Amino acid sequence: MKTQHKLLTVKEVVQILVDKEVISEKVAEVLLIPRYW
């Protein structure tokens, strides 16, 4: 897997984690709530 040099947005990172089943979709929803950033 090649290293990506472009910066990922929070949303993209969260989506990747969900895809890899690192986190659940419920956790992802919480992470994407703006007040946490």
PDB file of N, CA and C in Angstrom:
ATOM      1  N   MET A   1       0.843  -1.201   0.000  1.00  0.00           N
ATOM      2  CA  MET A   1       0.000   0.000   0.000  1.00  0.00           C
ATOM      3  C   MET A   1       0.874   1.245   0.000  1.00  0.00           C
ATOM      4  N   LYS A   2       0.676   2.084  -0.973  1.00  0.00           N
ATOM      5  CA  LYS A   2       1.498   3.281  -1.082  1.00  0.00           C
ATOM      6  C   LYS A   2       1.129   4.316  -0.026  1.00  0.00           C
ATOM      7  N   THR A   3       2.135   5.052   0.404  1.00  0.00           N
ATOM      8  CA  THR A   3       1.886   6.141   1.337  1.00  0.00           C
ATOM      9  C   THR A   3       1.281   7.303   0.565  1.00  0.00           C
ATOM     10  N   GLN A   4       0.185   7.807   1.074  1.00  0.00           N
ATOM     11  CA  GLN A   4      -0.448   8.945   0.402  1.00  0.00           C
ATOM     12  C   GLN A   4       0.141  10.232   0.957  1.00  0.00           C
ATOM     13  N   HIS A   5       0.474  11.132   0.064  1.00  0.00           N
ATOM     14  CA  HIS A   5       1.095  12.375   0.496  1.00  0.00           C
ATOM     15  C   HIS A   5       0.088  13.491   0.693  1.00  0.00           C
ATOM     16  N   LYS A   6      -1.118  13.300   0.160  1.00  0.00           N
ATOM     17  CA  LYS A   6      -2.110  14.352   0.354  1.00  0.00           C
ATOM     18  C   LYS A   6      -2.730  14.228   1.738  1.00  0.00           C
ATOM     19  N   LEU A   7      -3.051  15.368   2.321  1.00  0.00           N
ATOM     20  CA  LEU A   7      -3.653  15.357   3.641  1.00  0.00           C
ATOM     21  C   LEU A   7      -5.106  14.923   3.542  1.00  0.00           C
ATOM     22  N   LEU A   8      -5.491  14.050   4.443  1.00  0.00           N
ATOM     23  CA  LEU A   8      -6.873  13.590   4.463  1.00  0.00           C
ATOM     24  C   LEU A   8      -7.687  14.470   5.400  1.00  0.00           C
ATOM     25  N   THR A   9      -8.935  14.652   5.056  1.00  0.00           N
ATOM     26  CA  THR A   9      -9.821  15.376   5.959  1.00  0.00           C
ATOM     27  C   THR A   9     -10.217  14.426   7.079  1.00  0.00           C
ATOM     28  N   VAL A  10     -10.726  14.980   8.148  1.00  0.00           N
ATOM     29  CA  VAL A  10     -11.179  14.156   9.269  1.00  0.00           C
ATOM     30  C   VAL A  10     -12.197  13.137   8.789  1.00  0.00           C
ATOM     31  N   LYS A  11     -13.098  13.604   7.929  1.00  0.00           N
ATOM     32  CA  LYS A  11     -14.155  12.722   7.429  1.00  0.00           C
ATOM     33  C   LYS A  11     -13.575  11.545   6.653  1.00  0.00           C
ATOM     34  N   GLU A  12     -12.565  11.817   5.848  1.00  0.00           N
ATOM     35  CA  GLU A  12     -11.933  10.745   5.064  1.00  0.00           C
ATOM     36  C   GLU A  12     -11.232   9.741   5.976  1.00  0.00           C
ATOM     37  N   VAL A  13     -10.540  10.253   6.979  1.00  0.00           N
ATOM     38  CA  VAL A  13      -9.847   9.373   7.920  1.00  0.00           C
ATOM     39  C   VAL A  13     -10.842   8.484   8.651  1.00  0.00           C
ATOM     40  N   VAL A  14     -11.928   9.095   9.126  1.00  0.00           N
ATOM     41  CA  VAL A  14     -12.958   8.331   9.834  1.00  0.00           C
ATOM     42  C   VAL A  14     -13.553   7.263   8.926  1.00  0.00           C
ATOM     43  N   GLN A  15     -13.810   7.627   7.677  1.00  0.00           N
ATOM     44  CA  GLN A  15     -14.380   6.660   6.733  1.00  0.00           C
ATOM     45  C   GLN A  15     -13.441   5.473   6.520  1.00  0.00           C
ATOM     46  N   ILE A  16     -12.153   5.763   6.424  1.00  0.00           N
ATOM     47  CA  ILE A  16     -11.164   4.696   6.259  1.00  0.00           C
ATOM     48  C   ILE A  16     -11.170   3.771   7.475  1.00  0.00           C
ATOM     49  N   LEU A  17     -11.244   4.360   8.663  1.00  0.00           N
ATOM     50  CA  LEU A  17     -11.263   3.551   9.882  1.00  0.00           C
ATOM     51  C   LEU A  17     -12.496   2.667   9.941  1.00  0.00           C
ATOM     52  N   VAL A  18     -13.621   3.199   9.503  1.00  0.00           N
ATOM     53  CA  VAL A  18     -14.854   2.403   9.462  1.00  0.00           C
ATOM     54  C   VAL A  18     -14.702   1.269   8.453  1.00  0.00           C
ATOM     55  N   ASP A  19     -14.150   1.593   7.286  1.00  0.00           N
ATOM     56  CA  ASP A  19     -13.958   0.579   6.240  1.00  0.00           C
ATOM     57  C   ASP A  19     -13.071  -0.569   6.735  1.00  0.00           C
ATOM     58  N   LYS A  20     -12.062  -0.213   7.530  1.00  0.00           N
ATOM     59  CA  LYS A  20     -11.138  -1.225   8.046  1.00  0.00           C
ATOM     60  C   LYS A  20     -11.675  -1.872   9.325  1.00  0.00           C
ATOM     61  N   GLU A  21     -12.852  -1.437   9.742  1.00  0.00           N
ATOM     62  CA  GLU A  21     -13.486  -1.944  10.962  1.00  0.00           C
ATOM     63  C   GLU A  21     -12.636  -1.682  12.197  1.00  0.00           C
ATOM     64  N   VAL A  22     -11.925  -0.556  12.173  1.00  0.00           N
ATOM     65  CA  VAL A  22     -11.161  -0.132  13.345  1.00  0.00           C
ATOM     66  C   VAL A  22     -12.128   0.483  14.355  1.00  0.00           C
ATOM     67  N   ILE A  23     -13.084   1.226  13.829  1.00  0.00           N
ATOM     68  CA  ILE A  23     -14.121   1.816  14.667  1.00  0.00           C
ATOM     69  C   ILE A  23     -15.482   1.494  14.066  1.00  0.00           C
ATOM     70  N   SER A  24     -16.516   1.582  14.899  1.00  0.00           N
ATOM     71  CA  SER A  24     -17.868   1.313  14.409  1.00  0.00           C
ATOM     72  C   SER A  24     -18.459   2.571  13.793  1.00  0.00           C
ATOM     73  N   GLU A  25     -19.539   2.413  13.059  1.00  0.00           N
ATOM     74  CA  GLU A  25     -20.182   3.567  12.438  1.00  0.00           C
ATOM     75  C   GLU A  25     -20.735   4.518  13.490  1.00  0.00           C
ATOM     76  N   LYS A  26     -21.164   3.978  14.633  1.00  0.00           N
ATOM     77  CA  LYS A  26     -21.672   4.831  15.713  1.00  0.00           C
ATOM     78  C   LYS A  26     -20.563   5.735  16.232  1.00  0.00           C
ATOM     79  N   VAL A  27     -19.382   5.174  16.393  1.00  0.00           N
ATOM     80  CA  VAL A  27     -18.238   5.965  16.844  1.00  0.00           C
ATOM     81  C   VAL A  27     -17.899   7.021  15.802  1.00  0.00           C
ATOM     82  N   ALA A  28     -17.961   6.639  14.543  1.00  0.00           N
ATOM     83  CA  ALA A  28     -17.666   7.563  13.454  1.00  0.00           C
ATOM     84  C   ALA A  28     -18.619   8.751  13.485  1.00  0.00           C
ATOM     85  N   GLU A  29     -19.901   8.481  13.717  1.00  0.00           N
ATOM     86  CA  GLU A  29     -20.887   9.559  13.770  1.00  0.00           C
ATOM     87  C   GLU A  29     -20.531  10.555  14.863  1.00  0.00           C
ATOM     88  N   VAL A  30     -20.121  10.037  16.018  1.00  0.00           N
ATOM     89  CA  VAL A  30     -19.741  10.907  17.129  1.00  0.00           C
ATOM     90  C   VAL A  30     -18.509  11.737  16.772  1.00  0.00           C
ATOM     91  N   LEU A  31     -17.525  11.085  16.140  1.00  0.00           N
ATOM     92  CA  LEU A  31     -16.297  11.791  15.768  1.00  0.00           C
ATOM     93  C   LEU A  31     -16.552  12.907  14.764  1.00  0.00           C
ATOM     94  N   LEU A  32     -17.580  12.730  13.931  1.00  0.00           N
ATOM     95  CA  LEU A  32     -17.851  13.719  12.899  1.00  0.00           C
ATOM     96  C   LEU A  32     -18.746  14.857  13.371  1.00  0.00           C
ATOM     97  N   ILE A  33     -19.164  14.811  14.648  1.00  0.00           N
ATOM     98  CA  ILE A  33     -19.926  15.937  15.190  1.00  0.00           C
ATOM     99  C   ILE A  33     -18.941  17.088  15.405  1.00  0.00           C
ATOM    100  N   PRO A  34     -19.179  18.221  14.759  1.00  0.00           N
ATOM    101  CA  PRO A  34     -18.232  19.349  14.758  1.00  0.00           C
ATOM    102  C   PRO A  34     -17.749  19.796  16.134  1.00  0.00           C
ATOM    103  N   ARG A  35     -18.568  19.697  17.164  1.00  0.00           N
ATOM    104  CA  ARG A  35     -18.152  20.235  18.462  1.00  0.00           C
ATOM    105  C   ARG A  35     -16.947  19.518  19.058  1.00  0.00           C
ATOM    106  N   TYR A  36     -16.621  18.353  18.524  1.00  0.00           N
ATOM    107  CA  TYR A  36     -15.464  17.637  19.044  1.00  0.00           C
ATOM    108  C   TYR A  36     -14.152  18.125  18.438  1.00  0.00           C
ATOM    109  N   TRP A  37     -14.219  19.061  17.498  1.00  0.00           N
ATOM    110  CA  TRP A  37     -13.000  19.523  16.834  1.00  0.00           C
ATOM    111  C   TRP A  37     -12.705  20.962  17.144  1.00  0.00           C
TER     112      TRP A  37
END
